[in-house]
C-alpha atoms as a PDB file:
ATOM      1  CA  MET A   1     -61.026  38.264 -18.598  1.00  0.00           C
ATOM      2  CA  ILE A   2     -58.545  35.717 -19.238  1.00  0.00           C
ATOM      3  CA  LEU A   3     -59.608  34.705 -22.193  1.00  0.00           C
ATOM      4  CA  SER A   4     -59.995  37.784 -24.313  1.00  0.00           C
ATOM      5  CA  VAL A   5     -56.266  38.154 -23.475  1.00  0.00           C
ATOM      6  CA  LEU A   6     -55.665  34.917 -23.950  1.00  0.00           C
ATOM      7  CA  PRO A   7     -55.025  35.087 -27.695  1.00  0.00           C
ATOM      8  CA  VAL A   8     -52.433  38.151 -27.162  1.00  0.00           C
ATOM      9  CA  LEU A   9     -50.449  36.195 -24.564  1.00  0.00           C
ATOM     10  CA  ILE A  10     -49.863  33.315 -26.677  1.00  0.00           C
ATOM     11  CA  LEU A  11     -48.824  35.824 -29.614  1.00  0.00           C
ATOM     12  CA  PHE A  12     -46.269  37.858 -26.855  1.00  0.00           C
ATOM     13  CA  VAL A  13     -44.636  34.462 -25.544  1.00  0.00           C
ATOM     14  CA  GLY A  14     -44.884  33.048 -28.782  1.00  0.00           C
ATOM     15  CA  THR A  15     -42.929  35.873 -30.775  1.00  0.00           C
ATOM     16  CA  ALA A  16     -40.559  36.700 -27.658  1.00  0.00           C
ATOM     17  CA  ILE A  17     -39.684  32.799 -27.942  1.00  0.00           C
ATOM     18  CA  LEU A  18     -38.807  32.962 -31.519  1.00  0.00           C
ATOM     19  CA  PHE A  19     -36.874  36.060 -31.392  1.00  0.00           C
ATOM     20  CA  SER A  20     -34.486  34.583 -29.215  1.00  0.00           C
ATOM     21  CA  LEU A  21     -34.464  31.563 -30.499  1.00  0.00           C
ATOM     22  CA  SER A  22     -33.418  33.665 -33.980  1.00  0.00           C
ATOM     23  CA  THR A  23     -30.953  35.664 -32.333  1.00  0.00           C
ATOM     24  CA  ARG A  24     -28.791  32.722 -31.889  1.00  0.00           C
ATOM     25  CA  ASN A  25     -29.774  30.476 -34.566  1.00  0.00           C
ATOM     26  CA  LEU A  26     -32.014  32.125 -37.659  1.00  0.00           C
ATOM     27  CA  ALA A  27     -31.285  28.983 -40.229  1.00  0.00           C
ATOM     28  CA  GLY A  28     -32.513  27.079 -37.555  1.00  0.00           C
ATOM     29  CA  THR A  29     -36.291  28.728 -36.281  1.00  0.00           C
ATOM     30  CA  VAL A  30     -37.429  29.194 -40.216  1.00  0.00           C
ATOM     31  CA  GLN A  31     -39.428  26.370 -39.766  1.00  0.00           C
ATOM     32  CA  TYR A  32     -40.848  27.702 -36.443  1.00  0.00           C
ATOM     33  CA  TRP A  33     -41.929  31.330 -37.905  1.00  0.00           C
ATOM     34  CA  GLU A  34     -43.184  29.291 -40.607  1.00  0.00           C
ATOM     35  CA  ILE A  35     -45.187  27.344 -37.984  1.00  0.00           C
ATOM     36  CA  PHE A  36     -45.774  30.634 -36.130  1.00  0.00           C
ATOM     37  CA  LEU A  37     -47.515  32.495 -38.919  1.00  0.00           C
ATOM     38  CA  PRO A  38     -50.142  30.594 -40.242  1.00  0.00           C
ATOM     39  CA  VAL A  39     -51.099  30.648 -35.859  1.00  0.00           C
ATOM     40  CA  VAL A  40     -50.893  34.680 -35.420  1.00  0.00           C
ATOM     41  CA  ALA A  41     -53.153  34.143 -39.056  1.00  0.00           C
ATOM     42  CA  VAL A  42     -56.242  32.080 -37.146  1.00  0.00           C
ATOM     43  CA  LEU A  43     -55.481  33.769 -33.557  1.00  0.00           C
ATOM     44  CA  SER A  44     -56.190  37.326 -35.650  1.00  0.00           C
ATOM     45  CA  VAL A  45     -59.367  35.904 -37.052  1.00  0.00           C
ATOM     46  CA  PHE A  46     -60.534  34.016 -33.274  1.00  0.00           C
ATOM     47  CA  SER A  47     -59.968  37.053 -31.707  1.00  0.00           C
ATOM     48  CA  GLY A  48     -61.578  39.219 -33.735  1.00  0.00           C
ATOM     49  CA  TRP A  49     -64.665  37.166 -35.045  1.00  0.00           C
ATOM     50  CA  ASN A  50     -67.198  37.974 -31.813  1.00  0.00           C
ATOM     51  CA  GLN A  51     -66.280  41.636 -32.219  1.00  0.00           C
ATOM     52  CA  ALA A  52     -67.827  41.570 -36.055  1.00  0.00           C
ATOM     53  CA  GLN A  53     -71.104  40.466 -34.911  1.00  0.00           C
ATOM     54  CA  MET A  54     -71.283  42.787 -32.067  1.00  0.00           C
ATOM     55  CA  MET A  55     -70.568  45.908 -34.235  1.00  0.00           C
ATOM     56  CA  ARG A  56     -73.269  44.504 -36.352  1.00  0.00           C
ATOM     57  CA  HIS A  57     -71.360  43.324 -39.292  1.00  0.00           C
ATOM     58  CA  SER A  58     -71.090  40.899 -41.729  1.00  0.00           C
ATOM     59  CA  ARG A  59     -68.877  37.655 -40.840  1.00  0.00           C
ATOM     60  CA  ILE A  60     -68.363  36.924 -44.292  1.00  0.00           C
ATOM     61  CA  TRP A  61     -67.711  40.733 -44.556  1.00  0.00           C
ATOM     62  CA  TYR A  62     -64.963  40.579 -41.854  1.00  0.00           C
ATOM     63  CA  LEU A  63     -63.355  37.636 -43.348  1.00  0.00           C
ATOM     64  CA  ILE A  64     -63.122  38.984 -46.518  1.00  0.00           C
ATOM     65  CA  ARG A  65     -61.063  42.002 -44.962  1.00  0.00           C
ATOM     66  CA  GLN A  66     -58.709  39.515 -43.120  1.00  0.00           C
ATOM     67  CA  LEU A  67     -57.647  37.457 -46.441  1.00  0.00           C
ATOM     68  CA  VAL A  68     -56.925  41.522 -48.262  1.00  0.00           C
ATOM     69  CA  HIS A  69     -55.105  41.874 -44.708  1.00  0.00           C
END
């Protein structure tokens, strides 16, 4: 149960922290946002990887769709 919610929790907490920091000093948080965006991409791909297999879709097709988005 906790593993299925873990990616969403990581994204929520990370976004909340970065948003809070950005309201104080936007220029100082740019590098954190630049690091956080690839983390969001990896977590998005990771969280949907098994769903693609369960729905009997090709994993290659899933990766292509994620790249297009």
